[in-house]
Amino acid sequence: MGDGGLAAVFRGLAADAARAAGNIAHSVARITEKTAEIEESNLRSLLDSDSRVAESFKNLGRDPAAGGWSGARYVRSPTQEAADAYAAIRASTGDVSSIARNTGIEEGVIAQVKNHLFMSEHDIPVGPGRIERGNFTADEHLADLWGKAGKGTLSEAEATEFRALMSHEYVESRLMESGLPYRSADPESWDDDGDIVFNPQHFGAHEAAPHSVTGSTRHWKALGLGSPEEPIAPDLSNIDGVVDAARRGLGL
């Protein structure tokens, strides 16, 4: 091959390389552009998501129409103060550990009670043969006890009541998990004024749990239940034994 032919070959190769380089540069540019578009799209989605989350937190607990707590479906409307207090408890992430530390009650018990008392919906009798699904109605006194327990400011009497409340709600929740209804909707459990009454023939987990103020199980005899093997410990460390005793007596 002559010098002219060889030069032509090199010129052809150079032109091919230039075209290839151009194609590569174009492809890289398109990839970069596409990546930027994807990243921009992802960023927009992320910002939109963050905006929605921020808006939900800003409006947490507020029903624009009624001005009340919308994060819970209460069967009976609570006071605004009670609803706001429950909203704060629901939103708190450090209360369980603080309460456990201040009261000596195991975190697992406190967490179970928080979920049961403040977070979850339940089947709640509202009259003879009538049941509605919703949250327990917010109660200012219970919210106050919970808040003081978290701050470590319970008085001696309040600390006793708080422990009784924890034992009641914990046992109640565990019995409900075992299939016992919260309370009975049987007509014989309601008086002529439409109020639920204690009926040892028709009762639920609320009645079978320790008394919510005293922590006593003395009423178990009326329900046909044997007493727990030992009194409830101040730190509720044997509370699962109370649950087991109630389950055995109820055949759960």
C-alpha atoms as a PDB file:
ATOM      1  CA  MET A   1       0.000   0.000   0.000  1.00  0.00           C
ATOM      2  CA  GLY A   2       1.382   3.441  -0.962  1.00  0.00           C
ATOM      3  CA  ASP A   3       1.831   6.397   1.317  1.00  0.00           C
ATOM      4  CA  GLY A   4      -1.313   7.970  -0.119  1.00  0.00           C
ATOM      5  CA  GLY A   5      -3.390   4.897   0.633  1.00  0.00           C
ATOM      6  CA  LEU A   6      -1.990   4.576   4.148  1.00  0.00           C
ATOM      7  CA  ALA A   7      -2.728   8.217   4.840  1.00  0.00           C
ATOM      8  CA  ALA A   8      -6.290   7.707   3.648  1.00  0.00           C
ATOM      9  CA  VAL A   9      -6.704   4.756   6.027  1.00  0.00           C
ATOM     10  CA  PHE A  10      -5.453   6.808   8.970  1.00  0.00           C
ATOM     11  CA  ARG A  11      -7.697   9.671   7.983  1.00  0.00           C
ATOM     12  CA  GLY A  12     -10.637   7.264   7.919  1.00  0.00           C
ATOM     13  CA  LEU A  13      -9.731   5.840  11.295  1.00  0.00           C
ATOM     14  CA  ALA A  14      -9.373   9.344  12.707  1.00  0.00           C
ATOM     15  CA  ALA A  15     -12.783  10.294  11.341  1.00  0.00           C
ATOM     16  CA  ASP A  16     -14.333   7.116  12.830  1.00  0.00           C
ATOM     17  CA  ALA A  17     -12.708   7.869  16.175  1.00  0.00           C
ATOM     18  CA  ALA A  18     -13.988  11.428  16.074  1.00  0.00           C
ATOM     19  CA  ARG A  19     -17.489  10.222  15.298  1.00  0.00           C
ATOM     20  CA  ALA A  20     -17.265   7.611  18.055  1.00  0.00           C
ATOM     21  CA  ALA A  21     -16.000  10.207  20.506  1.00  0.00           C
ATOM     22  CA  GLY A  22     -18.814  12.509  19.493  1.00  0.00           C
ATOM     23  CA  ASN A  23     -21.349   9.726  19.953  1.00  0.00           C
ATOM     24  CA  ILE A  24     -19.890   8.869  23.346  1.00  0.00           C
ATOM     25  CA  ALA A  25     -19.881  12.498  24.400  1.00  0.00           C
ATOM     26  CA  HIS A  26     -23.474  12.815  23.237  1.00  0.00           C
ATOM     27  CA  SER A  27     -24.444   9.654  25.116  1.00  0.00           C
ATOM     28  CA  VAL A  28     -22.681  10.814  28.267  1.00  0.00           C
ATOM     29  CA  ALA A  29     -24.410  14.159  27.960  1.00  0.00           C
ATOM     30  CA  ARG A  30     -27.800  12.427  27.576  1.00  0.00           C
ATOM     31  CA  ILE A  31     -27.065  10.120  30.509  1.00  0.00           C
ATOM     32  CA  THR A  32     -26.026  13.102  32.612  1.00  0.00           C
ATOM     33  CA  GLU A  33     -29.125  14.999  31.528  1.00  0.00           C
ATOM     34  CA  LYS A  34     -31.361  11.990  32.200  1.00  0.00           C
ATOM     35  CA  THR A  35     -29.734  11.427  35.594  1.00  0.00           C
ATOM     36  CA  ALA A  36     -30.302  15.058  36.445  1.00  0.00           C
ATOM     37  CA  GLU A  37     -33.951  14.720  35.396  1.00  0.00           C
ATOM     38  CA  ILE A  38     -34.344  11.606  37.550  1.00  0.00           C
ATOM     39  CA  GLU A  39     -32.629  13.253  40.493  1.00  0.00           C
ATOM     40  CA  GLU A  40     -34.788  16.347  40.055  1.00  0.00           C
ATOM     41  CA  SER A  41     -37.899  14.175  39.876  1.00  0.00           C
ATOM     42  CA  ASN A  42     -36.822  12.236  42.963  1.00  0.00           C
ATOM     43  CA  LEU A  43     -36.057  15.476  44.747  1.00  0.00           C
ATOM     44  CA  ARG A  44     -39.476  16.847  43.849  1.00  0.00           C
ATOM     45  CA  SER A  45     -41.108  13.658  45.120  1.00  0.00           C
ATOM     46  CA  LEU A  46     -39.059  13.788  48.307  1.00  0.00           C
ATOM     47  CA  LEU A  47     -39.913  17.441  48.873  1.00  0.00           C
ATOM     48  CA  ASP A  48     -43.572  16.774  48.152  1.00  0.00           C
ATOM     49  CA  SER A  49     -43.494  13.879  50.610  1.00  0.00           C
ATOM     50  CA  ASP A  50     -41.739  15.982  53.235  1.00  0.00           C
ATOM     51  CA  SER A  51     -44.248  18.746  52.660  1.00  0.00           C
ATOM     52  CA  ARG A  52     -47.156  16.372  53.171  1.00  0.00           C
ATOM     53  CA  VAL A  53     -45.591  14.966  56.331  1.00  0.00           C
ATOM     54  CA  ALA A  54     -44.883  18.447  57.657  1.00  0.00           C
ATOM     55  CA  GLU A  55     -48.440  19.493  56.899  1.00  0.00           C
ATOM     56  CA  SER A  56     -49.821  16.424  58.638  1.00  0.00           C
ATOM     57  CA  PHE A  57     -47.775  17.212  61.735  1.00  0.00           C
ATOM     58  CA  LYS A  58     -48.840  20.838  61.611  1.00  0.00           C
ATOM     59  CA  ASN A  59     -52.481  19.797  61.514  1.00  0.00           C
ATOM     60  CA  LEU A  60     -52.037  16.804  63.835  1.00  0.00           C
ATOM     61  CA  GLY A  61     -55.033  16.398  66.077  1.00  0.00           C
ATOM     62  CA  ARG A  62     -57.127  19.089  64.445  1.00  0.00           C
ATOM     63  CA  ASP A  63     -60.346  18.582  62.540  1.00  0.00           C
ATOM     64  CA  PRO A  64     -60.784  21.706  60.390  1.00  0.00           C
ATOM     65  CA  ALA A  65     -64.556  21.398  60.567  1.00  0.00           C
ATOM     66  CA  ALA A  66     -64.972  20.680  64.249  1.00  0.00           C
ATOM     67  CA  GLY A  67     -61.727  22.036  65.678  1.00  0.00           C
ATOM     68  CA  GLY A  68     -61.187  18.804  67.581  1.00  0.00           C
ATOM     69  CA  TRP A  69     -58.783  15.861  67.661  1.00  0.00           C
ATOM     70  CA  SER A  70     -59.012  13.951  64.412  1.00  0.00           C
ATOM     71  CA  GLY A  71     -56.287  11.383  65.090  1.00  0.00           C
ATOM     72  CA  ALA A  72     -58.626   9.425  67.338  1.00  0.00           C
ATOM     73  CA  ARG A  73     -62.180   8.282  66.772  1.00  0.00           C
ATOM     74  CA  TYR A  74     -63.798   8.732  70.140  1.00  0.00           C
ATOM     75  CA  VAL A  75     -67.108   7.015  70.764  1.00  0.00           C
ATOM     76  CA  ARG A  76     -68.084   9.859  73.046  1.00  0.00           C
ATOM     77  CA  SER A  77     -66.728  13.365  72.515  1.00  0.00           C
ATOM     78  CA  PRO A  78     -64.170  14.391  75.151  1.00  0.00           C
ATOM     79  CA  THR A  79     -63.417  17.909  76.323  1.00  0.00           C
ATOM     80  CA  GLN A  80     -60.977  19.827  74.150  1.00  0.00           C
ATOM     81  CA  GLU A  81     -58.495  19.890  77.031  1.00  0.00           C
ATOM     82  CA  ALA A  82     -58.612  16.114  77.391  1.00  0.00           C
ATOM     83  CA  ALA A  83     -58.363  15.599  73.636  1.00  0.00           C
ATOM     84  CA  ASP A  84     -55.339  17.887  73.436  1.00  0.00           C
ATOM     85  CA  ALA A  85     -53.683  16.084  76.358  1.00  0.00           C
ATOM     86  CA  TYR A  86     -54.208  12.704  74.678  1.00  0.00           C
ATOM     87  CA  ALA A  87     -52.877  14.113  71.391  1.00  0.00           C
ATOM     88  CA  ALA A  88     -49.676  15.125  73.164  1.00  0.00           C
ATOM     89  CA  ILE A  89     -49.348  11.658  74.710  1.00  0.00           C
ATOM     90  CA  ARG A  90     -49.851   9.986  71.346  1.00  0.00           C
ATOM     91  CA  ALA A  91     -47.162  12.160  69.791  1.00  0.00           C
ATOM     92  CA  SER A  92     -44.647  11.598  72.597  1.00  0.00           C
ATOM     93  CA  THR A  93     -41.797   9.182  71.939  1.00  0.00           C
ATOM     94  CA  GLY A  94     -39.947   9.368  75.242  1.00  0.00           C
ATOM     95  CA  ASP A  95     -42.746   9.017  77.760  1.00  0.00           C
ATOM     96  CA  VAL A  96     -42.604   5.228  78.086  1.00  0.00           C
ATOM     97  CA  SER A  97     -38.946   5.131  79.084  1.00  0.00           C
ATOM     98  CA  SER A  98     -39.333   8.153  81.375  1.00  0.00           C
ATOM     99  CA  ILE A  99     -42.310   6.633  83.172  1.00  0.00           C
ATOM    100  CA  ALA A 100     -40.527   3.297  83.552  1.00  0.00           C
ATOM    101  CA  ARG A 101     -37.503   5.053  84.999  1.00  0.00           C
ATOM    102  CA  ASN A 102     -39.566   7.173  87.412  1.00  0.00           C
ATOM    103  CA  THR A 103     -41.918   4.436  88.619  1.00  0.00           C
ATOM    104  CA  GLY A 104     -39.809   1.274  88.449  1.00  0.00           C
ATOM    105  CA  ILE A 105     -42.457  -0.394  86.274  1.00  0.00           C
ATOM    106  CA  GLU A 106     -41.061  -2.338  83.320  1.00  0.00           C
ATOM    107  CA  GLU A 107     -41.116  -0.513  79.973  1.00  0.00           C
ATOM    108  CA  GLY A 108     -43.001  -3.373  78.348  1.00  0.00           C
ATOM    109  CA  VAL A 109     -45.913  -2.887  80.742  1.00  0.00           C
ATOM    110  CA  ILE A 110     -45.976   0.880  80.199  1.00  0.00           C
ATOM    111  CA  ALA A 111     -45.808   0.463  76.408  1.00  0.00           C
ATOM    112  CA  GLN A 112     -48.645  -2.069  76.444  1.00  0.00           C
ATOM    113  CA  VAL A 113     -50.804   0.292  78.487  1.00  0.00           C
ATOM    114  CA  LYS A 114     -50.030   3.290  76.288  1.00  0.00           C
ATOM    115  CA  ASN A 115     -51.054   1.412  73.169  1.00  0.00           C
ATOM    116  CA  HIS A 116     -54.209   0.106  74.833  1.00  0.00           C
ATOM    117  CA  LEU A 117     -55.319   3.264  76.598  1.00  0.00           C
ATOM    118  CA  PHE A 118     -54.333   6.017  74.190  1.00  0.00           C
ATOM    119  CA  MET A 119     -53.570   4.579  70.747  1.00  0.00           C
ATOM    120  CA  SER A 120     -55.862   1.680  69.835  1.00  0.00           C
ATOM    121  CA  GLU A 121     -59.492   1.464  68.854  1.00  0.00           C
ATOM    122  CA  HIS A 122     -61.765  -0.999  70.634  1.00  0.00           C
ATOM    123  CA  ASP A 123     -65.292  -2.390  70.430  1.00  0.00           C
ATOM    124  CA  ILE A 124     -67.063  -0.346  73.101  1.00  0.00           C
ATOM    125  CA  PRO A 125     -70.644  -1.004  74.268  1.00  0.00           C
ATOM    126  CA  VAL A 126     -72.683   2.213  74.219  1.00  0.00           C
ATOM    127  CA  GLY A 127     -76.034   0.741  75.180  1.00  0.00           C
ATOM    128  CA  PRO A 128     -77.964  -2.529  75.440  1.00  0.00           C
ATOM    129  CA  GLY A 129     -76.988  -4.575  72.404  1.00  0.00           C
ATOM    130  CA  ARG A 130     -75.121  -1.628  70.884  1.00  0.00           C
ATOM    131  CA  ILE A 131     -71.383  -1.585  70.212  1.00  0.00           C
ATOM    132  CA  GLU A 132     -69.298   1.074  68.487  1.00  0.00           C
ATOM    133  CA  ARG A 133     -65.694   0.965  67.350  1.00  0.00           C
ATOM    134  CA  GLY A 134     -63.416   3.725  68.587  1.00  0.00           C
ATOM    135  CA  ASN A 135     -60.863   4.960  71.082  1.00  0.00           C
ATOM    136  CA  PHE A 136     -61.444   5.184  74.794  1.00  0.00           C
ATOM    137  CA  THR A 137     -62.783   8.629  75.573  1.00  0.00           C
ATOM    138  CA  ALA A 138     -59.997  10.994  76.601  1.00  0.00           C
ATOM    139  CA  ASP A 139     -59.912  11.637  80.339  1.00  0.00           C
ATOM    140  CA  GLU A 140     -58.115  14.658  81.788  1.00  0.00           C
ATOM    141  CA  HIS A 141     -57.336  12.959  85.084  1.00  0.00           C
ATOM    142  CA  LEU A 142     -55.690   9.954  83.434  1.00  0.00           C
ATOM    143  CA  ALA A 143     -53.724  12.246  81.126  1.00  0.00           C
ATOM    144  CA  ASP A 144     -52.594  14.248  84.150  1.00  0.00           C
ATOM    145  CA  LEU A 145     -51.397  11.103  85.939  1.00  0.00           C
ATOM    146  CA  TRP A 146     -49.545   9.981  82.825  1.00  0.00           C
ATOM    147  CA  GLY A 147     -47.844  13.340  82.429  1.00  0.00           C
ATOM    148  CA  LYS A 148     -46.784  13.520  86.076  1.00  0.00           C
ATOM    149  CA  ALA A 149     -45.440   9.971  85.921  1.00  0.00           C
ATOM    150  CA  GLY A 150     -43.310  10.998  82.949  1.00  0.00           C
ATOM    151  CA  LYS A 151     -42.000  14.044  84.801  1.00  0.00           C
ATOM    152  CA  GLY A 152     -41.498  12.185  88.068  1.00  0.00           C
ATOM    153  CA  THR A 153     -43.832  14.528  89.979  1.00  0.00           C
ATOM    154  CA  LEU A 154     -46.485  12.082  91.215  1.00  0.00           C
ATOM    155  CA  SER A 155     -47.452  12.507  94.852  1.00  0.00           C
ATOM    156  CA  GLU A 156     -47.453   9.404  97.028  1.00  0.00           C
ATOM    157  CA  ALA A 157     -51.217   9.013  96.636  1.00  0.00           C
ATOM    158  CA  GLU A 158     -50.998   9.628  92.894  1.00  0.00           C
ATOM    159  CA  ALA A 159     -48.185   7.092  92.561  1.00  0.00           C
ATOM    160  CA  THR A 160     -50.409   4.477  94.245  1.00  0.00           C
ATOM    161  CA  GLU A 161     -53.275   5.318  91.918  1.00  0.00           C
ATOM    162  CA  PHE A 162     -50.989   5.275  88.877  1.00  0.00           C
ATOM    163  CA  ARG A 163     -49.754   1.778  89.710  1.00  0.00           C
ATOM    164  CA  ALA A 164     -53.348   0.621  90.158  1.00  0.00           C
ATOM    165  CA  LEU A 165     -54.239   2.150  86.799  1.00  0.00           C
ATOM    166  CA  MET A 166     -51.308   0.411  85.101  1.00  0.00           C
ATOM    167  CA  SER A 167     -52.267  -2.952  86.593  1.00  0.00           C
ATOM    168  CA  HIS A 168     -55.892  -2.475  85.553  1.00  0.00           C
ATOM    169  CA  GLU A 169     -55.174  -1.402  81.978  1.00  0.00           C
ATOM    170  CA  TYR A 170     -52.450  -4.006  81.451  1.00  0.00           C
ATOM    171  CA  VAL A 171     -54.587  -6.924  82.610  1.00  0.00           C
ATOM    172  CA  GLU A 172     -57.610  -5.570  80.760  1.00  0.00           C
ATOM    173  CA  SER A 173     -55.632  -5.326  77.517  1.00  0.00           C
ATOM    174  CA  ARG A 174     -54.201  -8.847  77.833  1.00  0.00           C
ATOM    175  CA  LEU A 175     -57.622 -10.351  78.534  1.00  0.00           C
ATOM    176  CA  MET A 176     -59.033  -8.555  75.513  1.00  0.00           C
ATOM    177  CA  GLU A 177     -56.190  -9.984  73.432  1.00  0.00           C
ATOM    178  CA  SER A 178     -57.338 -13.407  74.652  1.00  0.00           C
ATOM    179  CA  GLY A 179     -60.839 -12.784  73.298  1.00  0.00           C
ATOM    180  CA  LEU A 180     -62.726 -11.335  76.266  1.00  0.00           C
ATOM    181  CA  PRO A 181     -64.759  -8.276  75.220  1.00  0.00           C
ATOM    182  CA  TYR A 182     -64.054  -4.925  76.822  1.00  0.00           C
ATOM    183  CA  ARG A 183     -67.463  -4.834  78.525  1.00  0.00           C
ATOM    184  CA  SER A 184     -70.777  -6.602  78.024  1.00  0.00           C
ATOM    185  CA  ALA A 185     -73.494  -5.242  75.746  1.00  0.00           C
ATOM    186  CA  ASP A 186     -76.031  -7.677  77.202  1.00  0.00           C
ATOM    187  CA  PRO A 187     -79.243  -5.795  78.129  1.00  0.00           C
ATOM    188  CA  GLU A 188     -79.022  -7.181  81.666  1.00  0.00           C
ATOM    189  CA  SER A 189     -75.807  -5.218  82.142  1.00  0.00           C
ATOM    190  CA  TRP A 190     -77.595  -1.898  81.666  1.00  0.00           C
ATOM    191  CA  ASP A 191     -80.021  -0.061  83.933  1.00  0.00           C
ATOM    192  CA  ASP A 192     -83.150   1.860  82.953  1.00  0.00           C
ATOM    193  CA  ASP A 193     -81.154   5.088  82.636  1.00  0.00           C
ATOM    194  CA  GLY A 194     -78.910   3.543  80.016  1.00  0.00           C
ATOM    195  CA  ASP A 195     -75.911   3.189  82.311  1.00  0.00           C
ATOM    196  CA  ILE A 196     -73.809   0.045  82.435  1.00  0.00           C
ATOM    197  CA  VAL A 197     -73.880  -1.755  85.790  1.00  0.00           C
ATOM    198  CA  PHE A 198     -71.829  -4.498  87.399  1.00  0.00           C
ATOM    199  CA  ASN A 199     -73.372  -7.853  86.541  1.00  0.00           C
ATOM    200  CA  PRO A 200     -71.382 -10.968  87.565  1.00  0.00           C
ATOM    201  CA  GLN A 201     -73.221 -12.955  84.902  1.00  0.00           C
ATOM    202  CA  HIS A 202     -72.374 -10.584  82.068  1.00  0.00           C
ATOM    203  CA  PHE A 203     -69.020  -8.847  82.271  1.00  0.00           C
ATOM    204  CA  GLY A 204     -65.892  -8.115  80.309  1.00  0.00           C
ATOM    205  CA  ALA A 205     -62.176  -7.475  80.679  1.00  0.00           C
ATOM    206  CA  HIS A 206     -62.844  -4.136  82.365  1.00  0.00           C
ATOM    207  CA  GLU A 207     -64.593  -5.846  85.273  1.00  0.00           C
ATOM    208  CA  ALA A 208     -62.148  -8.769  85.414  1.00  0.00           C
ATOM    209  CA  ALA A 209     -59.085  -6.532  85.658  1.00  0.00           C
ATOM    210  CA  PRO A 210     -57.796  -5.229  89.006  1.00  0.00           C
ATOM    211  CA  HIS A 211     -59.625  -2.159  90.285  1.00  0.00           C
ATOM    212  CA  SER A 212     -58.356   0.914  88.421  1.00  0.00           C
ATOM    213  CA  VAL A 213     -57.997   3.064  91.567  1.00  0.00           C
ATOM    214  CA  THR A 214     -57.087   0.606  94.305  1.00  0.00           C
ATOM    215  CA  GLY A 215     -55.488  -2.220  92.301  1.00  0.00           C
ATOM    216  CA  SER A 216     -57.528  -4.712  94.309  1.00  0.00           C
ATOM    217  CA  THR A 217     -58.810  -8.042  92.969  1.00  0.00           C
ATOM    218  CA  ARG A 218     -61.262  -8.574  95.820  1.00  0.00           C
ATOM    219  CA  HIS A 219     -64.156  -8.399  93.357  1.00  0.00           C
ATOM    220  CA  TRP A 220     -62.882 -11.541  91.619  1.00  0.00           C
ATOM    221  CA  LYS A 221     -64.789 -13.730  94.063  1.00  0.00           C
ATOM    222  CA  ALA A 222     -68.077 -12.257  92.819  1.00  0.00           C
ATOM    223  CA  LEU A 223     -67.019 -13.120  89.277  1.00  0.00           C
ATOM    224  CA  GLY A 224     -66.250 -16.713  90.217  1.00  0.00           C
ATOM    225  CA  LEU A 225     -62.504 -16.203  89.948  1.00  0.00           C
ATOM    226  CA  GLY A 226     -59.910 -17.404  92.417  1.00  0.00           C
ATOM    227  CA  SER A 227     -57.469 -14.915  93.872  1.00  0.00           C
ATOM    228  CA  PRO A 228     -54.000 -14.508  92.309  1.00  0.00           C
ATOM    229  CA  GLU A 229     -51.312 -16.613  93.968  1.00  0.00           C
ATOM    230  CA  GLU A 230     -49.683 -13.502  95.422  1.00  0.00           C
ATOM    231  CA  PRO A 231     -50.500  -9.811  95.806  1.00  0.00           C
ATOM    232  CA  ILE A 232     -49.572  -7.526  92.936  1.00  0.00           C
ATOM    233  CA  ALA A 233     -46.034  -6.274  93.472  1.00  0.00           C
ATOM    234  CA  PRO A 234     -45.501  -2.491  93.762  1.00  0.00           C
ATOM    235  CA  ASP A 235     -43.402  -2.535  90.576  1.00  0.00           C
ATOM    236  CA  LEU A 236     -45.949  -4.847  88.862  1.00  0.00           C
ATOM    237  CA  SER A 237     -43.174  -7.364  88.257  1.00  0.00           C
ATOM    238  CA  ASN A 238     -45.656 -10.244  88.733  1.00  0.00           C
ATOM    239  CA  ILE A 239     -48.524  -8.725  86.764  1.00  0.00           C
ATOM    240  CA  ASP A 240     -48.370 -11.450  84.107  1.00  0.00           C
ATOM    241  CA  GLY A 241     -49.134 -13.956  86.866  1.00  0.00           C
ATOM    242  CA  VAL A 242     -52.349 -12.003  87.524  1.00  0.00           C
ATOM    243  CA  VAL A 243     -53.182 -12.187  83.823  1.00  0.00           C
ATOM    244  CA  ASP A 244     -52.589 -15.954  83.835  1.00  0.00           C
ATOM    245  CA  ALA A 245     -54.769 -16.410  86.929  1.00  0.00           C
ATOM    246  CA  ALA A 246     -57.605 -14.476  85.316  1.00  0.00           C
ATOM    247  CA  ARG A 247     -57.270 -16.426  82.077  1.00  0.00           C
ATOM    248  CA  ARG A 248     -57.417 -19.736  83.916  1.00  0.00           C
ATOM    249  CA  GLY A 249     -60.483 -18.677  85.870  1.00  0.00           C
ATOM    250  CA  LEU A 250     -62.216 -17.441  82.722  1.00  0.00           C
ATOM    251  CA  GLY A 251     -61.219 -20.460  80.648  1.00  0.00           C
ATOM    252  CA  LEU A 252     -59.334 -18.323  78.123  1.00  0.00           C
END
